[in-house]
C-alpha atoms as a PDB file:
ATOM      1  CA  UNK A   1    -116.944-110.454  78.932  1.00  0.00           C
ATOM      2  CA  UNK A   2    -114.952-110.502  75.970  1.00  0.00           C
ATOM      3  CA  UNK A   3    -111.531-111.654  76.428  1.00  0.00           C
ATOM      4  CA  UNK A   4    -109.009-108.197  76.502  1.00  0.00           C
ATOM      5  CA  UNK A   5    -106.094-110.171  73.971  1.00  0.00           C
ATOM      6  CA  UNK A   6    -106.393-112.140  70.980  1.00  0.00           C
ATOM      7  CA  UNK A   7    -103.501-113.417  70.827  1.00  0.00           C
ATOM      8  CA  UNK A   8     -99.863-113.796  71.753  1.00  0.00           C
ATOM      9  CA  UNK A   9     -96.166-113.286  69.917  1.00  0.00           C
ATOM     10  CA  UNK A  10     -92.923-114.267  71.431  1.00  0.00           C
ATOM     11  CA  UNK A  11     -89.988-111.766  71.147  1.00  0.00           C
ATOM     12  CA  UNK A  12     -87.795-113.561  72.635  1.00  0.00           C
ATOM     13  CA  UNK A  13     -87.495-117.152  73.475  1.00  0.00           C
ATOM     14  CA  UNK A  14     -84.376-119.409  74.549  1.00  0.00           C
ATOM     15  CA  UNK A  15     -82.093-120.249  72.111  1.00  0.00           C
ATOM     16  CA  UNK A  16     -80.170-124.048  73.148  1.00  0.00           C
ATOM     17  CA  UNK A  17     -77.220-123.014  70.698  1.00  0.00           C
ATOM     18  CA  UNK A  18     -76.807-119.863  71.862  1.00  0.00           C
ATOM     19  CA  UNK A  19     -77.045-120.693  75.450  1.00  0.00           C
ATOM     20  CA  UNK A  20     -79.293-117.819  76.172  1.00  0.00           C
ATOM     21  CA  UNK A  21     -82.721-115.641  75.184  1.00  0.00           C
ATOM     22  CA  UNK A  22     -82.511-114.436  72.043  1.00  0.00           C
ATOM     23  CA  UNK A  23     -84.686-112.658  70.252  1.00  0.00           C
ATOM     24  CA  UNK A  24     -86.783-114.479  67.446  1.00  0.00           C
ATOM     25  CA  UNK A  25     -88.128-114.279  63.940  1.00  0.00           C
ATOM     26  CA  UNK A  26     -91.586-115.405  63.349  1.00  0.00           C
ATOM     27  CA  UNK A  27     -92.062-116.811  59.853  1.00  0.00           C
ATOM     28  CA  UNK A  28     -95.203-119.241  58.095  1.00  0.00           C
ATOM     29  CA  UNK A  29     -93.939-122.952  58.254  1.00  0.00           C
ATOM     30  CA  UNK A  30     -97.547-124.826  57.016  1.00  0.00           C
ATOM     31  CA  UNK A  31    -101.222-123.559  55.700  1.00  0.00           C
ATOM     32  CA  UNK A  32    -102.816-126.206  57.702  1.00  0.00           C
ATOM     33  CA  UNK A  33    -106.871-127.343  56.766  1.00  0.00           C
ATOM     34  CA  UNK A  34    -106.559-126.458  61.458  1.00  0.00           C
ATOM     35  CA  UNK A  35    -104.723-123.052  60.966  1.00  0.00           C
ATOM     36  CA  UNK A  36    -101.495-121.581  60.667  1.00  0.00           C
ATOM     37  CA  UNK A  37     -98.018-123.319  61.719  1.00  0.00           C
ATOM     38  CA  UNK A  38     -95.387-120.554  62.806  1.00  0.00           C
ATOM     39  CA  UNK A  39     -92.064-120.972  63.053  1.00  0.00           C
ATOM     40  CA  UNK A  40     -89.614-119.406  65.857  1.00  0.00           C
ATOM     41  CA  UNK A  41     -85.798-118.905  64.989  1.00  0.00           C
ATOM     42  CA  UNK A  42     -82.971-117.134  66.867  1.00  0.00           C
ATOM     43  CA  UNK A  43     -82.078-113.951  64.994  1.00  0.00           C
ATOM     44  CA  UNK A  44     -78.627-114.950  65.257  1.00  0.00           C
ATOM     45  CA  UNK A  45     -77.586-118.584  64.510  1.00  0.00           C
ATOM     46  CA  UNK A  46     -80.930-119.255  62.875  1.00  0.00           C
ATOM     47  CA  UNK A  47     -81.746-121.933  65.022  1.00  0.00           C
ATOM     48  CA  UNK A  48     -85.568-122.856  65.823  1.00  0.00           C
ATOM     49  CA  UNK A  49     -86.385-122.753  69.071  1.00  0.00           C
ATOM     50  CA  UNK A  50     -90.350-122.488  69.315  1.00  0.00           C
ATOM     51  CA  UNK A  51     -93.748-122.840  67.136  1.00  0.00           C
ATOM     52  CA  UNK A  52     -97.115-121.833  67.175  1.00  0.00           C
ATOM     53  CA  UNK A  53    -100.212-123.232  65.744  1.00  0.00           C
ATOM     54  CA  UNK A  54    -103.137-120.253  65.568  1.00  0.00           C
ATOM     55  CA  UNK A  55    -106.007-122.120  64.708  1.00  0.00           C
ATOM     56  CA  UNK A  56    -108.868-120.707  62.561  1.00  0.00           C
ATOM     57  CA  UNK A  57    -112.117-119.033  64.536  1.00  0.00           C
ATOM     58  CA  UNK A  58    -113.971-118.067  61.683  1.00  0.00           C
ATOM     59  CA  UNK A  59    -115.076-120.545  59.129  1.00  0.00           C
ATOM     60  CA  UNK A  60    -112.631-120.636  56.759  1.00  0.00           C
ATOM     61  CA  UNK A  61    -112.755-121.870  53.313  1.00  0.00           C
ATOM     62  CA  UNK A  62    -109.710-123.729  52.001  1.00  0.00           C
ATOM     63  CA  UNK A  63    -109.647-123.230  48.043  1.00  0.00           C
ATOM     64  CA  UNK A  64    -107.945-125.468  45.945  1.00  0.00           C
ATOM     65  CA  UNK A  65    -107.418-125.168  42.096  1.00  0.00           C
END
């Protein structure tokens, strides 16, 4: 049986500075050998409210020049 979803993205998270649940912006923070690390930040104050590591499922190759 195939999974019914591939990946989830957060749309709202709790911001400690704003003291409420807020919409978030997702931005690529790092590209690592085990996957891509994303940072979620508050749209109102810009505080980082979470992160996410998306692991590569296929045999990805990194090209260094």
